[in-house]
Every structure is written in C-alpha cells, then in structure tokens.
C-alpha atoms as a PDB file:
ATOM      1  CA  UNK A   1    -164.111-128.409 -15.289  1.00  0.00           C
ATOM      2  CA  UNK A   2    -167.887-128.526 -14.977  1.00  0.00           C
ATOM      3  CA  UNK A   3    -169.838-126.684 -12.282  1.00  0.00           C
ATOM      4  CA  UNK A   4    -172.233-129.537 -11.775  1.00  0.00           C
ATOM      5  CA  UNK A   5    -172.060-133.192 -12.455  1.00  0.00           C
ATOM      6  CA  UNK A   6    -174.940-134.293 -14.681  1.00  0.00           C
ATOM      7  CA  UNK A   7    -176.926-136.988 -12.931  1.00  0.00           C
ATOM      8  CA  UNK A   8    -177.682-138.595 -16.270  1.00  0.00           C
ATOM      9  CA  UNK A   9    -174.071-138.617 -17.394  1.00  0.00           C
ATOM     10  CA  UNK A  10    -172.972-141.004 -20.123  1.00  0.00           C
ATOM     11  CA  UNK A  11    -170.256-142.607 -18.006  1.00  0.00           C
ATOM     12  CA  UNK A  12    -169.770-146.292 -18.555  1.00  0.00           C
ATOM     13  CA  UNK A  13    -171.776-148.419 -16.147  1.00  0.00           C
ATOM     14  CA  UNK A  14    -173.984-151.409 -15.726  1.00  0.00           C
ATOM     15  CA  UNK A  15    -177.445-150.731 -17.111  1.00  0.00           C
ATOM     16  CA  UNK A  16    -180.179-152.395 -15.113  1.00  0.00           C
ATOM     17  CA  UNK A  17    -183.922-152.677 -15.460  1.00  0.00           C
ATOM     18  CA  UNK A  18    -184.842-150.947 -12.288  1.00  0.00           C
ATOM     19  CA  UNK A  19    -187.595-149.461 -10.203  1.00  0.00           C
ATOM     20  CA  UNK A  20    -188.615-146.209  -8.664  1.00  0.00           C
ATOM     21  CA  UNK A  21    -190.360-144.871  -5.673  1.00  0.00           C
ATOM     22  CA  UNK A  22    -193.421-142.746  -6.108  1.00  0.00           C
ATOM     23  CA  UNK A  23    -193.802-139.483  -4.257  1.00  0.00           C
ATOM     24  CA  UNK A  24    -197.534-139.219  -3.998  1.00  0.00           C
ATOM     25  CA  UNK A  25    -200.394-140.914  -5.755  1.00  0.00           C
ATOM     26  CA  UNK A  26    -200.257-138.178  -8.346  1.00  0.00           C
ATOM     27  CA  UNK A  27    -196.501-137.868  -8.733  1.00  0.00           C
ATOM     28  CA  UNK A  28    -194.420-140.609 -10.328  1.00  0.00           C
ATOM     29  CA  UNK A  29    -191.614-142.181  -8.402  1.00  0.00           C
ATOM     30  CA  UNK A  30    -190.330-139.866  -5.799  1.00  0.00           C
ATOM     31  CA  UNK A  31    -190.863-140.076  -2.089  1.00  0.00           C
ATOM     32  CA  UNK A  32    -190.660-136.798  -0.394  1.00  0.00           C
ATOM     33  CA  UNK A  33    -189.572-133.188  -0.597  1.00  0.00           C
ATOM     34  CA  UNK A  34    -187.434-130.858   1.508  1.00  0.00           C
ATOM     35  CA  UNK A  35    -187.616-127.219   2.412  1.00  0.00           C
ATOM     36  CA  UNK A  36    -184.915-124.740   3.389  1.00  0.00           C
ATOM     37  CA  UNK A  37    -184.187-122.311   6.177  1.00  0.00           C
ATOM     38  CA  UNK A  38    -186.047-118.967   5.991  1.00  0.00           C
ATOM     39  CA  UNK A  39    -182.904-116.850   5.824  1.00  0.00           C
ATOM     40  CA  UNK A  40    -181.445-118.460   2.702  1.00  0.00           C
ATOM     41  CA  UNK A  41    -180.444-116.279  -0.251  1.00  0.00           C
ATOM     42  CA  UNK A  42    -182.544-116.086  -3.367  1.00  0.00           C
ATOM     43  CA  UNK A  43    -180.371-117.714  -6.014  1.00  0.00           C
ATOM     44  CA  UNK A  44    -180.375-121.473  -6.682  1.00  0.00           C
ATOM     45  CA  UNK A  45    -177.190-121.303  -8.731  1.00  0.00           C
ATOM     46  CA  UNK A  46    -173.550-120.532  -8.160  1.00  0.00           C
ATOM     47  CA  UNK A  47    -170.025-121.788  -8.534  1.00  0.00           C
ATOM     48  CA  UNK A  48    -168.967-122.832  -5.028  1.00  0.00           C
ATOM     49  CA  UNK A  49    -169.249-126.507  -4.064  1.00  0.00           C
ATOM     50  CA  UNK A  50    -170.435-127.743  -0.703  1.00  0.00           C
ATOM     51  CA  UNK A  51    -167.758-130.457  -0.448  1.00  0.00           C
ATOM     52  CA  UNK A  52    -164.192-130.829  -1.703  1.00  0.00           C
ATOM     53  CA  UNK A  53    -163.803-131.896  -5.305  1.00  0.00           C
ATOM     54  CA  UNK A  54    -163.984-135.670  -5.827  1.00  0.00           C
ATOM     55  CA  UNK A  55    -165.951-136.179  -2.615  1.00  0.00           C
ATOM     56  CA  UNK A  56    -169.616-137.240  -2.776  1.00  0.00           C
ATOM     57  CA  UNK A  57    -172.397-135.219  -1.202  1.00  0.00           C
ATOM     58  CA  UNK A  58    -173.175-136.970   2.075  1.00  0.00           C
ATOM     59  CA  UNK A  59    -174.590-136.617   5.560  1.00  0.00           C
ATOM     60  CA  UNK A  60    -172.817-138.382   8.425  1.00  0.00           C
ATOM     61  CA  UNK A  61    -175.086-140.637  10.433  1.00  0.00           C
ATOM     62  CA  UNK A  62    -174.159-138.822  13.653  1.00  0.00           C
ATOM     63  CA  UNK A  63    -175.304-135.529  12.049  1.00  0.00           C
ATOM     64  CA  UNK A  64    -178.640-136.876  10.873  1.00  0.00           C
ATOM     65  CA  UNK A  65    -181.966-136.582  12.725  1.00  0.00           C
ATOM     66  CA  UNK A  66    -182.403-139.192  15.448  1.00  0.00           C
ATOM     67  CA  UNK A  67    -186.137-138.914  16.163  1.00  0.00           C
ATOM     68  CA  UNK A  68    -189.296-138.495  14.111  1.00  0.00           C
ATOM     69  CA  UNK A  69    -189.733-134.974  15.432  1.00  0.00           C
ATOM     70  CA  UNK A  70    -186.192-134.015  14.378  1.00  0.00           C
ATOM     71  CA  UNK A  71    -186.645-135.678  11.002  1.00  0.00           C
ATOM     72  CA  UNK A  72    -189.887-133.827  10.220  1.00  0.00           C
ATOM     73  CA  UNK A  73    -188.209-130.548  11.166  1.00  0.00           C
ATOM     74  CA  UNK A  74    -185.240-131.460   8.970  1.00  0.00           C
ATOM     75  CA  UNK A  75    -187.262-132.155   5.824  1.00  0.00           C
ATOM     76  CA  UNK A  76    -189.454-129.094   6.307  1.00  0.00           C
ATOM     77  CA  UNK A  77    -186.468-126.771   6.732  1.00  0.00           C
ATOM     78  CA  UNK A  78    -185.004-127.732   3.398  1.00  0.00           C
ATOM     79  CA  UNK A  79    -186.076-125.168   0.799  1.00  0.00           C
ATOM     80  CA  UNK A  80    -187.251-126.485  -2.555  1.00  0.00           C
ATOM     81  CA  UNK A  81    -188.107-123.580  -4.852  1.00  0.00           C
ATOM     82  CA  UNK A  82    -189.958-123.929  -8.148  1.00  0.00           C
ATOM     83  CA  UNK A  83    -187.113-122.219 -10.059  1.00  0.00           C
ATOM     84  CA  UNK A  84    -184.713-124.940  -8.938  1.00  0.00           C
ATOM     85  CA  UNK A  85    -186.189-126.920 -11.863  1.00  0.00           C
ATOM     86  CA  UNK A  86    -186.136-124.170 -14.457  1.00  0.00           C
ATOM     87  CA  UNK A  87    -187.938-120.958 -15.424  1.00  0.00           C
ATOM     88  CA  UNK A  88    -191.739-120.849 -15.230  1.00  0.00           C
ATOM     89  CA  UNK A  89    -192.371-123.606 -12.676  1.00  0.00           C
ATOM     90  CA  UNK A  90    -194.834-123.063  -9.862  1.00  0.00           C
ATOM     91  CA  UNK A  91    -196.170-125.033  -6.888  1.00  0.00           C
ATOM     92  CA  UNK A  92    -198.932-127.557  -7.497  1.00  0.00           C
ATOM     93  CA  UNK A  93    -201.972-128.007  -5.354  1.00  0.00           C
ATOM     94  CA  UNK A  94    -201.682-129.986  -3.140  1.00  0.00           C
ATOM     95  CA  UNK A  95    -198.087-128.933  -2.687  1.00  0.00           C
ATOM     96  CA  UNK A  96    -196.887-131.112   0.194  1.00  0.00           C
ATOM     97  CA  UNK A  97    -197.468-134.675   1.315  1.00  0.00           C
ATOM     98  CA  UNK A  98    -197.926-135.855   4.899  1.00  0.00           C
ATOM     99  CA  UNK A  99    -194.394-136.475   6.303  1.00  0.00           C
ATOM    100  CA  UNK A 100    -195.775-139.382   8.362  1.00  0.00           C
ATOM    101  CA  UNK A 101    -196.535-141.319   5.160  1.00  0.00           C
ATOM    102  CA  UNK A 102    -194.667-142.492   2.074  1.00  0.00           C
ATOM    103  CA  UNK A 103    -195.478-144.205  -1.203  1.00  0.00           C
ATOM    104  CA  UNK A 104    -195.514-148.002  -1.385  1.00  0.00           C
ATOM    105  CA  UNK A 105    -195.877-150.141  -4.504  1.00  0.00           C
ATOM    106  CA  UNK A 106    -198.579-152.720  -3.786  1.00  0.00           C
ATOM    107  CA  UNK A 107    -198.895-156.288  -5.005  1.00  0.00           C
ATOM    108  CA  UNK A 108    -201.322-154.944  -7.628  1.00  0.00           C
ATOM    109  CA  UNK A 109    -198.598-152.569  -8.944  1.00  0.00           C
ATOM    110  CA  UNK A 110    -200.475-149.481  -7.746  1.00  0.00           C
ATOM    111  CA  UNK A 111    -198.624-146.821  -5.725  1.00  0.00           C
ATOM    112  CA  UNK A 112    -200.351-145.953  -2.458  1.00  0.00           C
ATOM    113  CA  UNK A 113    -199.450-143.744   0.459  1.00  0.00           C
ATOM    114  CA  UNK A 114    -199.047-145.662   3.696  1.00  0.00           C
ATOM    115  CA  UNK A 115    -197.829-145.002   7.234  1.00  0.00           C
ATOM    116  CA  UNK A 116    -194.057-144.992   7.625  1.00  0.00           C
ATOM    117  CA  UNK A 117    -192.350-148.204   8.783  1.00  0.00           C
ATOM    118  CA  UNK A 118    -190.221-148.207  11.892  1.00  0.00           C
ATOM    119  CA  UNK A 119    -187.081-147.804   9.776  1.00  0.00           C
ATOM    120  CA  UNK A 120    -188.197-144.439   8.345  1.00  0.00           C
ATOM    121  CA  UNK A 121    -188.415-141.256  10.430  1.00  0.00           C
ATOM    122  CA  UNK A 122    -189.958-138.805   7.936  1.00  0.00           C
ATOM    123  CA  UNK A 123    -190.704-138.456   4.220  1.00  0.00           C
ATOM    124  CA  UNK A 124    -191.903-135.289   2.513  1.00  0.00           C
ATOM    125  CA  UNK A 125    -192.833-134.752  -1.136  1.00  0.00           C
ATOM    126  CA  UNK A 126    -193.352-131.376  -2.796  1.00  0.00           C
ATOM    127  CA  UNK A 127    -194.995-131.029  -6.192  1.00  0.00           C
ATOM    128  CA  UNK A 128    -194.390-128.491  -8.965  1.00  0.00           C
ATOM    129  CA  UNK A 129    -195.577-127.880 -12.508  1.00  0.00           C
ATOM    130  CA  UNK A 130    -194.626-125.996 -15.630  1.00  0.00           C
ATOM    131  CA  UNK A 131    -198.042-124.853 -16.898  1.00  0.00           C
ATOM    132  CA  UNK A 132    -199.219-125.546 -20.427  1.00  0.00           C
ATOM    133  CA  UNK A 133    -198.296-122.748 -22.814  1.00  0.00           C
ATOM    134  CA  UNK A 134    -198.016-122.098 -26.569  1.00  0.00           C
ATOM    135  CA  UNK A 135    -199.402-125.503 -27.514  1.00  0.00           C
ATOM    136  CA  UNK A 136    -197.120-127.404 -25.139  1.00  0.00           C
ATOM    137  CA  UNK A 137    -198.558-129.579 -22.412  1.00  0.00           C
ATOM    138  CA  UNK A 138    -197.750-129.163 -18.717  1.00  0.00           C
ATOM    139  CA  UNK A 139    -194.694-130.724 -17.083  1.00  0.00           C
ATOM    140  CA  UNK A 140    -195.053-132.212 -13.611  1.00  0.00           C
ATOM    141  CA  UNK A 141    -192.078-132.427 -11.245  1.00  0.00           C
ATOM    142  CA  UNK A 142    -191.963-133.811  -7.703  1.00  0.00           C
ATOM    143  CA  UNK A 143    -189.145-133.971  -5.181  1.00  0.00           C
ATOM    144  CA  UNK A 144    -189.002-136.234  -2.134  1.00  0.00           C
ATOM    145  CA  UNK A 145    -186.684-136.305   0.865  1.00  0.00           C
ATOM    146  CA  UNK A 146    -186.791-139.321   3.163  1.00  0.00           C
ATOM    147  CA  UNK A 147    -184.907-139.638   6.470  1.00  0.00           C
ATOM    148  CA  UNK A 148    -184.161-143.245   7.365  1.00  0.00           C
ATOM    149  CA  UNK A 149    -183.293-144.605  10.801  1.00  0.00           C
ATOM    150  CA  UNK A 150    -179.716-145.309   9.708  1.00  0.00           C
ATOM    151  CA  UNK A 151    -177.468-145.819   6.676  1.00  0.00           C
ATOM    152  CA  UNK A 152    -178.349-149.518   6.392  1.00  0.00           C
ATOM    153  CA  UNK A 153    -182.062-148.694   6.124  1.00  0.00           C
ATOM    154  CA  UNK A 154    -181.338-146.132   3.426  1.00  0.00           C
ATOM    155  CA  UNK A 155    -179.246-148.629   1.472  1.00  0.00           C
ATOM    156  CA  UNK A 156    -182.049-151.179   1.671  1.00  0.00           C
ATOM    157  CA  UNK A 157    -184.463-148.584   0.339  1.00  0.00           C
ATOM    158  CA  UNK A 158    -182.186-147.936  -2.636  1.00  0.00           C
ATOM    159  CA  UNK A 159    -181.918-151.668  -3.281  1.00  0.00           C
ATOM    160  CA  UNK A 160    -185.673-152.013  -3.093  1.00  0.00           C
ATOM    161  CA  UNK A 161    -186.038-149.335  -5.745  1.00  0.00           C
ATOM    162  CA  UNK A 162    -184.098-151.576  -8.122  1.00  0.00           C
ATOM    163  CA  UNK A 163    -186.314-154.567  -7.516  1.00  0.00           C
ATOM    164  CA  UNK A 164    -189.736-152.954  -8.022  1.00  0.00           C
ATOM    165  CA  UNK A 165    -189.898-153.056 -11.849  1.00  0.00           C
ATOM    166  CA  UNK A 166    -188.944-156.701 -11.884  1.00  0.00           C
ATOM    167  CA  UNK A 167    -192.123-157.290  -9.908  1.00  0.00           C
ATOM    168  CA  UNK A 168    -194.142-154.620 -11.737  1.00  0.00           C
ATOM    169  CA  UNK A 169    -192.920-153.863 -15.294  1.00  0.00           C
ATOM    170  CA  UNK A 170    -195.855-151.442 -15.606  1.00  0.00           C
ATOM    171  CA  UNK A 171    -196.784-149.381 -12.581  1.00  0.00           C
ATOM    172  CA  UNK A 172    -199.879-147.325 -11.845  1.00  0.00           C
ATOM    173  CA  UNK A 173    -199.262-143.949 -10.243  1.00  0.00           C
ATOM    174  CA  UNK A 174    -202.948-143.328  -9.586  1.00  0.00           C
ATOM    175  CA  UNK A 175    -206.300-144.144 -11.146  1.00  0.00           C
ATOM    176  CA  UNK A 176    -205.372-142.710 -14.564  1.00  0.00           C
ATOM    177  CA  UNK A 177    -201.578-142.488 -14.897  1.00  0.00           C
ATOM    178  CA  UNK A 178    -199.116-145.301 -15.628  1.00  0.00           C
ATOM    179  CA  UNK A 179    -195.372-145.588 -16.205  1.00  0.00           C
ATOM    180  CA  UNK A 180    -193.841-148.265 -18.394  1.00  0.00           C
ATOM    181  CA  UNK A 181    -190.703-149.161 -20.341  1.00  0.00           C
ATOM    182  CA  UNK A 182    -188.490-148.232 -17.366  1.00  0.00           C
ATOM    183  CA  UNK A 183    -184.747-148.394 -17.936  1.00  0.00           C
ATOM    184  CA  UNK A 184    -182.338-147.563 -15.127  1.00  0.00           C
ATOM    185  CA  UNK A 185    -178.743-147.278 -14.024  1.00  0.00           C
ATOM    186  CA  UNK A 186    -177.218-147.507 -10.578  1.00  0.00           C
ATOM    187  CA  UNK A 187    -173.916-145.765  -9.867  1.00  0.00           C
ATOM    188  CA  UNK A 188    -171.918-145.765  -6.657  1.00  0.00           C
ATOM    189  CA  UNK A 189    -169.389-143.022  -5.944  1.00  0.00           C
ATOM    190  CA  UNK A 190    -166.780-145.707  -5.253  1.00  0.00           C
ATOM    191  CA  UNK A 191    -167.155-146.863  -8.861  1.00  0.00           C
ATOM    192  CA  UNK A 192    -165.532-143.575  -9.957  1.00  0.00           C
ATOM    193  CA  UNK A 193    -168.369-142.719 -12.276  1.00  0.00           C
ATOM    194  CA  UNK A 194    -169.857-139.287 -12.709  1.00  0.00           C
ATOM    195  CA  UNK A 195    -172.166-139.292  -9.728  1.00  0.00           C
ATOM    196  CA  UNK A 196    -173.320-136.755  -7.125  1.00  0.00           C
ATOM    197  CA  UNK A 197    -173.833-138.686  -3.906  1.00  0.00           C
ATOM    198  CA  UNK A 198    -172.746-141.929  -2.305  1.00  0.00           C
ATOM    199  CA  UNK A 199    -175.292-143.870  -4.410  1.00  0.00           C
ATOM    200  CA  UNK A 200    -177.163-142.567  -7.470  1.00  0.00           C
ATOM    201  CA  UNK A 201    -180.060-144.183  -9.304  1.00  0.00           C
ATOM    202  CA  UNK A 202    -181.440-142.828 -12.560  1.00  0.00           C
ATOM    203  CA  UNK A 203    -184.366-144.051 -14.622  1.00  0.00           C
ATOM    204  CA  UNK A 204    -186.155-143.172 -17.827  1.00  0.00           C
ATOM    205  CA  UNK A 205    -189.343-144.485 -19.405  1.00  0.00           C
ATOM    206  CA  UNK A 206    -192.770-143.420 -20.562  1.00  0.00           C
ATOM    207  CA  UNK A 207    -195.835-142.191 -18.740  1.00  0.00           C
ATOM    208  CA  UNK A 208    -199.348-142.468 -20.090  1.00  0.00           C
ATOM    209  CA  UNK A 209    -202.376-140.569 -18.781  1.00  0.00           C
ATOM    210  CA  UNK A 210    -205.977-141.660 -19.422  1.00  0.00           C
ATOM    211  CA  UNK A 211    -204.834-144.165 -22.024  1.00  0.00           C
ATOM    212  CA  UNK A 212    -203.483-141.407 -24.234  1.00  0.00           C
ATOM    213  CA  UNK A 213    -200.125-140.873 -25.905  1.00  0.00           C
ATOM    214  CA  UNK A 214    -196.904-141.761 -24.094  1.00  0.00           C
ATOM    215  CA  UNK A 215    -194.499-139.000 -23.036  1.00  0.00           C
ATOM    216  CA  UNK A 216    -191.049-139.107 -21.414  1.00  0.00           C
ATOM    217  CA  UNK A 217    -190.708-139.935 -17.753  1.00  0.00           C
ATOM    218  CA  UNK A 218    -187.544-139.318 -15.655  1.00  0.00           C
ATOM    219  CA  UNK A 219    -186.658-140.383 -12.150  1.00  0.00           C
ATOM    220  CA  UNK A 220    -183.447-139.899 -10.137  1.00  0.00           C
ATOM    221  CA  UNK A 221    -182.620-140.824  -6.566  1.00  0.00           C
ATOM    222  CA  UNK A 222    -179.604-140.021  -4.382  1.00  0.00           C
ATOM    223  CA  UNK A 223    -178.451-141.429  -1.061  1.00  0.00           C
ATOM    224  CA  UNK A 224    -176.585-139.159   1.336  1.00  0.00           C
ATOM    225  CA  UNK A 225    -175.809-141.246   4.401  1.00  0.00           C
ATOM    226  CA  UNK A 226    -179.206-142.128   5.968  1.00  0.00           C
ATOM    227  CA  UNK A 227    -181.125-139.687   3.753  1.00  0.00           C
ATOM    228  CA  UNK A 228    -182.519-140.374   0.291  1.00  0.00           C
ATOM    229  CA  UNK A 229    -183.611-137.665  -2.154  1.00  0.00           C
ATOM    230  CA  UNK A 230    -185.658-138.441  -5.260  1.00  0.00           C
ATOM    231  CA  UNK A 231    -187.108-136.399  -8.114  1.00  0.00           C
ATOM    232  CA  UNK A 232    -189.418-137.199 -10.991  1.00  0.00           C
ATOM    233  CA  UNK A 233    -190.456-135.402 -14.170  1.00  0.00           C
ATOM    234  CA  UNK A 234    -193.434-136.216 -16.355  1.00  0.00           C
ATOM    235  CA  UNK A 235    -193.028-134.397 -19.645  1.00  0.00           C
ATOM    236  CA  UNK A 236    -195.853-132.767 -21.555  1.00  0.00           C
ATOM    237  CA  UNK A 237    -196.896-132.855 -25.174  1.00  0.00           C
ATOM    238  CA  UNK A 238    -195.626-130.692 -28.043  1.00  0.00           C
ATOM    239  CA  UNK A 239    -191.907-130.604 -27.138  1.00  0.00           C
ATOM    240  CA  UNK A 240    -188.894-131.327 -29.272  1.00  0.00           C
ATOM    241  CA  UNK A 241    -186.234-133.833 -28.266  1.00  0.00           C
ATOM    242  CA  UNK A 242    -183.970-130.935 -27.264  1.00  0.00           C
ATOM    243  CA  UNK A 243    -186.708-129.428 -25.084  1.00  0.00           C
ATOM    244  CA  UNK A 244    -187.326-132.782 -23.402  1.00  0.00           C
ATOM    245  CA  UNK A 245    -183.587-133.091 -22.780  1.00  0.00           C
ATOM    246  CA  UNK A 246    -183.606-129.689 -21.063  1.00  0.00           C
ATOM    247  CA  UNK A 247    -186.446-130.784 -18.765  1.00  0.00           C
ATOM    248  CA  UNK A 248    -184.450-133.855 -17.767  1.00  0.00           C
ATOM    249  CA  UNK A 249    -181.283-131.837 -17.163  1.00  0.00           C
ATOM    250  CA  UNK A 250    -183.078-129.158 -15.173  1.00  0.00           C
ATOM    251  CA  UNK A 251    -184.746-131.773 -12.967  1.00  0.00           C
ATOM    252  CA  UNK A 252    -181.309-133.255 -12.231  1.00  0.00           C
ATOM    253  CA  UNK A 253    -179.920-129.823 -11.383  1.00  0.00           C
ATOM    254  CA  UNK A 254    -182.774-129.161  -8.966  1.00  0.00           C
ATOM    255  CA  UNK A 255    -182.099-132.472  -7.283  1.00  0.00           C
ATOM    256  CA  UNK A 256    -178.425-131.619  -6.968  1.00  0.00           C
ATOM    257  CA  UNK A 257    -179.238-128.283  -5.276  1.00  0.00           C
ATOM    258  CA  UNK A 258    -181.045-130.205  -2.533  1.00  0.00           C
ATOM    259  CA  UNK A 259    -178.191-132.683  -2.213  1.00  0.00           C
ATOM    260  CA  UNK A 260    -175.795-129.749  -1.820  1.00  0.00           C
ATOM    261  CA  UNK A 261    -178.016-128.227   0.862  1.00  0.00           C
ATOM    262  CA  UNK A 262    -178.112-131.464   2.858  1.00  0.00           C
ATOM    263  CA  UNK A 263    -174.352-131.827   2.531  1.00  0.00           C
ATOM    264  CA  UNK A 264    -173.878-128.272   3.786  1.00  0.00           C
ATOM    265  CA  UNK A 265    -176.098-128.874   6.782  1.00  0.00           C
ATOM    266  CA  UNK A 266    -173.774-131.651   7.843  1.00  0.00           C
ATOM    267  CA  UNK A 267    -170.769-129.370   7.384  1.00  0.00           C
ATOM    268  CA  UNK A 268    -172.551-126.630   9.352  1.00  0.00           C
ATOM    269  CA  UNK A 269    -172.901-129.091  12.208  1.00  0.00           C
ATOM    270  CA  UNK A 270    -169.127-129.563  12.203  1.00  0.00           C
ATOM    271  CA  UNK A 271    -168.668-125.779  12.225  1.00  0.00           C
ATOM    272  CA  UNK A 272    -170.998-125.535  15.208  1.00  0.00           C
ATOM    273  CA  UNK A 273    -168.560-127.588  17.278  1.00  0.00           C
ATOM    274  CA  UNK A 274    -166.052-124.724  17.048  1.00  0.00           C
ATOM    275  CA  UNK A 275    -168.149-122.699  19.438  1.00  0.00           C
ATOM    276  CA  UNK A 276    -170.006-120.349  17.058  1.00  0.00           C
ATOM    277  CA  UNK A 277    -173.414-121.031  18.569  1.00  0.00           C
ATOM    278  CA  UNK A 278    -175.094-118.307  16.547  1.00  0.00           C
ATOM    279  CA  UNK A 279    -174.460-120.046  13.220  1.00  0.00           C
ATOM    280  CA  UNK A 280    -174.526-123.663  14.309  1.00  0.00           C
ATOM    281  CA  UNK A 281    -178.111-124.225  13.199  1.00  0.00           C
ATOM    282  CA  UNK A 282    -178.024-122.095  10.055  1.00  0.00           C
ATOM    283  CA  UNK A 283    -178.584-123.637   6.668  1.00  0.00           C
ATOM    284  CA  UNK A 284    -176.557-122.341   3.745  1.00  0.00           C
ATOM    285  CA  UNK A 285    -178.086-121.741   0.364  1.00  0.00           C
ATOM    286  CA  UNK A 286    -177.094-124.412  -2.172  1.00  0.00           C
ATOM    287  CA  UNK A 287    -174.528-122.496  -4.164  1.00  0.00           C
ATOM    288  CA  UNK A 288    -173.780-125.071  -6.776  1.00  0.00           C
ATOM    289  CA  UNK A 289    -173.122-128.725  -7.388  1.00  0.00           C
ATOM    290  CA  UNK A 290    -169.889-130.607  -6.954  1.00  0.00           C
ATOM    291  CA  UNK A 291    -167.141-129.667  -9.329  1.00  0.00           C
ATOM    292  CA  UNK A 292    -165.381-132.431 -11.188  1.00  0.00           C
ATOM    293  CA  UNK A 293    -162.421-132.506 -13.510  1.00  0.00           C
ATOM    294  CA  UNK A 294    -163.568-133.544 -16.939  1.00  0.00           C
END
C-alpha cells in the first residue's frame, strides 16, 4: 500500500499530445494557486487520507463557491507552502497573481493574462523557486487553483488543455521562455488508473530560456468537481536524471496536498451540517494523499 498515488504513474493509458495552461507570464502552464486557513498545522505530510480508499479527491458542486467573492476567498484560504514541493524552496517575487485574471494562449502561441470569462469565478497562481546552489541552476514551480462556475465549465477547461498543443506545438511563456516537445496523458478516475482526482492530466517536455539549452518541463492538472488545480516545474541546469525525477515527484506530491485540502474542505462542509458551528468553516491540514492498494 502506498501513502500517495504518484501523479506520473506508469499505469497503462492512452498517450496524447496535449496542452497546458500557463499560470502567469513567467510560470509555465499552471493557472492559479491556493492558500490555506491560518490555523493549519505545520506539516505537509502524513499518513491519513482525506477520502476513503479508491475514491477520487473531489468537491461537490453544492459545496463549491457560488460567487466571485466566495471563490476569491476560497482560493486565498488554501495554504500552499514552499516545502510542499521539497526542501529548500522559497516564494518568488511576485508571489501571487491577480485572482480576477488567468492565463490564455493567444493565436500567436504566447501566454497572456486576461480578465476571467463568465464561466470562471476566480483563479490564483503562486510561484516558488529552489535557488541555484552548488553549480545547479534554479528550479521554478508554480501552482494554480481555478474555481469554475460549474462542473461542466471545469470539464471544458480540461478538454481545452488537451487541444492547445495541437494549435501551438511550441508555446511562449513570456518574452524569453518557451516550452516545446510536449507529451501528455489524460486519466479519468473511472478508467481505474492510478489517478488522484476525477480527471488528471500530466505533461512533460522541454523549456528553453533566452535561446539556451533545453531543460525538463513538467505540468500536471487535476479536476475536483468545479475546481481545477495545476502545477508546473521548470528544472534547472546541472542535475542528474535521478535529481530531475525527484523534482517531478515532489511537484506531484505538492499538488496532491492541495487536492487533499480541497477534498477535506468539502467533507468539512458535510460535518458542519451536524450542528458543530464552531468547526464548520475550519480547514484541515492536508495530512497525506489517497491510499491505494498496489
């Protein structure tokens, strides 16, 4: 039994050439980032799972934010700590995006931040980095949480992520950075593959800065009811294949902590109906990812 399901598991599935969603002009393919309640405990790890075994992380539509104000509050109250992605990470500057905007891939294949459409209530990206050290280049990680108007809108967003690289095989993240060679897989929980949420997308490729050498690029995106959560990692120079693999795995673990937190918020809403008003709005610390029999 494993304590967390690897997002990039080697389960059999259909491999697709797919797309991503960028978090900010500077961060590859994510859309927004969450933050957690102030009273949460300090550890991002643990053995308990937020949902029963063999059940995907999810958020019921009737438990999700209904207005833009509620959605902004929701994404800001999710805690995303630097150490969710491994030891040594810190916040980047700027740290947060504007929750009233999200990243859109233009006809010219450049990612730009634009005002949210009517089908999206809020989208927040937070940015982190592992500073350069001992001859190894920096690693850049971003995490995005987006609250959609309903489940249908979230599903359409996931589908759109699969179409973007068909339109733009090479995508510009900003004036200097590009991603290319993108290779993706889509897994649905109903397919009985090793997934975390109701729908999982994963992608790998290369990113190139200032026309220099290419380094690994990772992107993963989950859907939990009407909420999507995405994370990206741009690897730095001077790392072995094993070190790059650890960066990918740690990014996936960080993403799963946020998925667990969102899942727990929905469960906390159920608990609130029992009459314990004092705890109804509390957010539990993500204590681990979903356990699965191996």
